Amino acid sequence: MITILSLVSFEKNTITTIQNTDKLVHFSFYFMLTFLLLRSVKRNMRFKYLIVIALSFFYGIIIEVIQKYFTVSRSGDIYDAIANLTGIICAALLNYFILEKFSSTKV
């Protein structure tokens, strides 16, 4: 879903009616991606956080590169990558400090 929504062209006024709304969309996509990946990996897996964060981050970078060099209607943006990384970090922190520390069920 992230790949399709990141590469398909939309009309200018559909998403960007409020300034920088696309950064919130990037944050949300990568927050959910990281959150769901972390929740689906075994709790005691070695380097779980490092692997999931790296995969999510590199996936986001690949999408930005594809947007910049392989599409005509989309453009790669460093601020989009920063929004992606912010969503990734927030999801990892939420998962680690709240869900794993206070959860009584093992994932």
C-alpha atoms as a PDB file:
ATOM      1  CA  MET A   1       0.000   0.000   0.000  1.00  0.00           C
ATOM      2  CA  ILE A   2       2.812   2.412   0.872  1.00  0.00           C
ATOM      3  CA  THR A   3       4.562   1.700  -2.418  1.00  0.00           C
ATOM      4  CA  ILE A   4       1.448   2.284  -4.496  1.00  0.00           C
ATOM      5  CA  LEU A   5       0.420   5.450  -2.656  1.00  0.00           C
ATOM      6  CA  SER A   6       3.984   6.768  -2.834  1.00  0.00           C
ATOM      7  CA  LEU A   7       4.371   6.257  -6.568  1.00  0.00           C
ATOM      8  CA  VAL A   8       0.897   6.995  -7.952  1.00  0.00           C
ATOM      9  CA  SER A   9       0.209  10.580  -8.947  1.00  0.00           C
ATOM     10  CA  PHE A  10      -2.654  12.445  -7.283  1.00  0.00           C
ATOM     11  CA  GLU A  11      -4.163  15.784  -8.154  1.00  0.00           C
ATOM     12  CA  LYS A  12      -2.379  18.649  -6.406  1.00  0.00           C
ATOM     13  CA  ASN A  13      -5.374  19.695  -4.324  1.00  0.00           C
ATOM     14  CA  THR A  14      -6.389  16.292  -2.971  1.00  0.00           C
ATOM     15  CA  ILE A  15      -3.779  15.873  -0.246  1.00  0.00           C
ATOM     16  CA  THR A  16      -1.916  19.169  -0.029  1.00  0.00           C
ATOM     17  CA  THR A  17      -4.763  21.491   0.902  1.00  0.00           C
ATOM     18  CA  ILE A  18      -3.042  22.140   4.237  1.00  0.00           C
ATOM     19  CA  GLN A  19       0.638  23.001   4.064  1.00  0.00           C
ATOM     20  CA  ASN A  20       2.986  20.071   4.864  1.00  0.00           C
ATOM     21  CA  THR A  21       0.127  17.576   5.170  1.00  0.00           C
ATOM     22  CA  ASP A  22       2.236  15.165   3.135  1.00  0.00           C
ATOM     23  CA  LYS A  23       4.798  15.061   5.978  1.00  0.00           C
ATOM     24  CA  LEU A  24       2.060  13.896   8.347  1.00  0.00           C
ATOM     25  CA  VAL A  25       1.104  11.224   5.812  1.00  0.00           C
ATOM     26  CA  HIS A  26       4.740  10.079   5.595  1.00  0.00           C
ATOM     27  CA  PHE A  27       4.994  10.007   9.389  1.00  0.00           C
ATOM     28  CA  SER A  28       1.771   7.970   9.654  1.00  0.00           C
ATOM     29  CA  PHE A  29       2.708   5.444   6.969  1.00  0.00           C
ATOM     30  CA  TYR A  30       6.111   4.684   8.448  1.00  0.00           C
ATOM     31  CA  PHE A  31       4.826   4.755  12.018  1.00  0.00           C
ATOM     32  CA  MET A  32       2.281   2.053  11.135  1.00  0.00           C
ATOM     33  CA  LEU A  33       4.783   0.056   9.058  1.00  0.00           C
ATOM     34  CA  THR A  34       7.311  -0.033  11.895  1.00  0.00           C
ATOM     35  CA  PHE A  35       4.707  -0.587  14.595  1.00  0.00           C
ATOM     36  CA  LEU A  36       3.171  -3.551  12.777  1.00  0.00           C
ATOM     37  CA  LEU A  37       6.549  -5.071  11.942  1.00  0.00           C
ATOM     38  CA  LEU A  38       7.670  -4.811  15.556  1.00  0.00           C
ATOM     39  CA  ARG A  39       4.445  -6.361  16.821  1.00  0.00           C
ATOM     40  CA  SER A  40       4.748  -9.256  14.361  1.00  0.00           C
ATOM     41  CA  VAL A  41       8.341 -10.207  15.215  1.00  0.00           C
ATOM     42  CA  LYS A  42       9.061 -12.533  18.154  1.00  0.00           C
ATOM     43  CA  ARG A  43       9.610 -10.705  21.402  1.00  0.00           C
ATOM     44  CA  ASN A  44      12.957 -12.308  22.183  1.00  0.00           C
ATOM     45  CA  MET A  45      14.412 -12.039  18.682  1.00  0.00           C
ATOM     46  CA  ARG A  46      17.965 -10.775  18.826  1.00  0.00           C
ATOM     47  CA  PHE A  47      18.433  -7.299  17.298  1.00  0.00           C
ATOM     48  CA  LYS A  48      14.678  -7.027  16.658  1.00  0.00           C
ATOM     49  CA  TYR A  49      14.607  -3.242  16.891  1.00  0.00           C
ATOM     50  CA  LEU A  50      17.745  -2.692  14.852  1.00  0.00           C
ATOM     51  CA  ILE A  51      16.524  -4.955  12.044  1.00  0.00           C
ATOM     52  CA  VAL A  52      12.999  -3.495  11.861  1.00  0.00           C
ATOM     53  CA  ILE A  53      14.175   0.119  12.075  1.00  0.00           C
ATOM     54  CA  ALA A  54      16.822  -0.465   9.393  1.00  0.00           C
ATOM     55  CA  LEU A  55      14.363  -2.235   7.066  1.00  0.00           C
ATOM     56  CA  SER A  56      11.741   0.494   7.457  1.00  0.00           C
ATOM     57  CA  PHE A  57      14.293   3.266   6.962  1.00  0.00           C
ATOM     58  CA  PHE A  58      15.909   1.726   3.875  1.00  0.00           C
ATOM     59  CA  TYR A  59      12.498   0.985   2.392  1.00  0.00           C
ATOM     60  CA  GLY A  60      11.639   4.686   2.792  1.00  0.00           C
ATOM     61  CA  ILE A  61      14.924   5.742   1.182  1.00  0.00           C
ATOM     62  CA  ILE A  62      14.341   3.389  -1.752  1.00  0.00           C
ATOM     63  CA  ILE A  63      10.859   4.860  -2.285  1.00  0.00           C
ATOM     64  CA  GLU A  64      12.282   8.416  -2.236  1.00  0.00           C
ATOM     65  CA  VAL A  65      14.979   7.468  -4.778  1.00  0.00           C
ATOM     66  CA  ILE A  66      12.380   5.832  -7.036  1.00  0.00           C
ATOM     67  CA  GLN A  67      10.211   8.961  -6.788  1.00  0.00           C
ATOM     68  CA  LYS A  68      13.133  11.201  -7.697  1.00  0.00           C
ATOM     69  CA  TYR A  69      14.606   9.229 -10.593  1.00  0.00           C
ATOM     70  CA  PHE A  70      11.866   6.988 -11.979  1.00  0.00           C
ATOM     71  CA  THR A  71       8.627   9.002 -11.840  1.00  0.00           C
ATOM     72  CA  VAL A  72       7.697  12.201 -13.612  1.00  0.00           C
ATOM     73  CA  SER A  73       4.868  13.286 -11.340  1.00  0.00           C
ATOM     74  CA  ARG A  74       6.505  12.652  -7.939  1.00  0.00           C
ATOM     75  CA  SER A  75       9.742  13.929  -6.468  1.00  0.00           C
ATOM     76  CA  GLY A  76      12.043  12.619  -3.764  1.00  0.00           C
ATOM     77  CA  ASP A  77      12.453  14.923  -0.803  1.00  0.00           C
ATOM     78  CA  ILE A  78      14.867  14.874   2.141  1.00  0.00           C
ATOM     79  CA  TYR A  79      12.092  16.231   4.382  1.00  0.00           C
ATOM     80  CA  ASP A  80       9.914  13.264   3.448  1.00  0.00           C
ATOM     81  CA  ALA A  81      12.755  10.958   4.511  1.00  0.00           C
ATOM     82  CA  ILE A  82      13.015  12.861   7.810  1.00  0.00           C
ATOM     83  CA  ALA A  83       9.252  12.503   8.341  1.00  0.00           C
ATOM     84  CA  ASN A  84       9.593   8.770   7.601  1.00  0.00           C
ATOM     85  CA  LEU A  85      12.422   8.424  10.115  1.00  0.00           C
ATOM     86  CA  THR A  86      10.463  10.353  12.739  1.00  0.00           C
ATOM     87  CA  GLY A  87       7.519   7.975  12.346  1.00  0.00           C
ATOM     88  CA  ILE A  88       9.853   4.978  12.553  1.00  0.00           C
ATOM     89  CA  ILE A  89      11.519   6.211  15.741  1.00  0.00           C
ATOM     90  CA  CYS A  90       8.216   7.128  17.406  1.00  0.00           C
ATOM     91  CA  ALA A  91       6.770   3.676  16.650  1.00  0.00           C
ATOM     92  CA  ALA A  92       9.872   1.964  18.026  1.00  0.00           C
ATOM     93  CA  LEU A  93       9.806   4.071  21.197  1.00  0.00           C
ATOM     94  CA  LEU A  94       6.091   3.475  21.723  1.00  0.00           C
ATOM     95  CA  ASN A  95       6.510  -0.235  21.222  1.00  0.00           C
ATOM     96  CA  TYR A  96       9.564  -0.523  23.473  1.00  0.00           C
ATOM     97  CA  PHE A  97       8.666   1.739  26.371  1.00  0.00           C
ATOM     98  CA  ILE A  98       4.919   1.259  26.552  1.00  0.00           C
ATOM     99  CA  LEU A  99       3.752  -1.919  24.885  1.00  0.00           C
ATOM    100  CA  GLU A 100       6.652  -4.262  25.685  1.00  0.00           C
ATOM    101  CA  LYS A 101       7.383  -2.983  29.185  1.00  0.00           C
ATOM    102  CA  PHE A 102       3.767  -3.049  30.369  1.00  0.00           C
ATOM    103  CA  SER A 103       2.379  -5.905  28.320  1.00  0.00           C
ATOM    104  CA  SER A 104       1.625  -9.133  30.115  1.00  0.00           C
ATOM    105  CA  THR A 105       1.300 -11.118  26.898  1.00  0.00           C
ATOM    106  CA  LYS A 106       4.305 -12.268  24.945  1.00  0.00           C
ATOM    107  CA  VAL A 107       4.485 -11.466  21.252  1.00  0.00           C
END
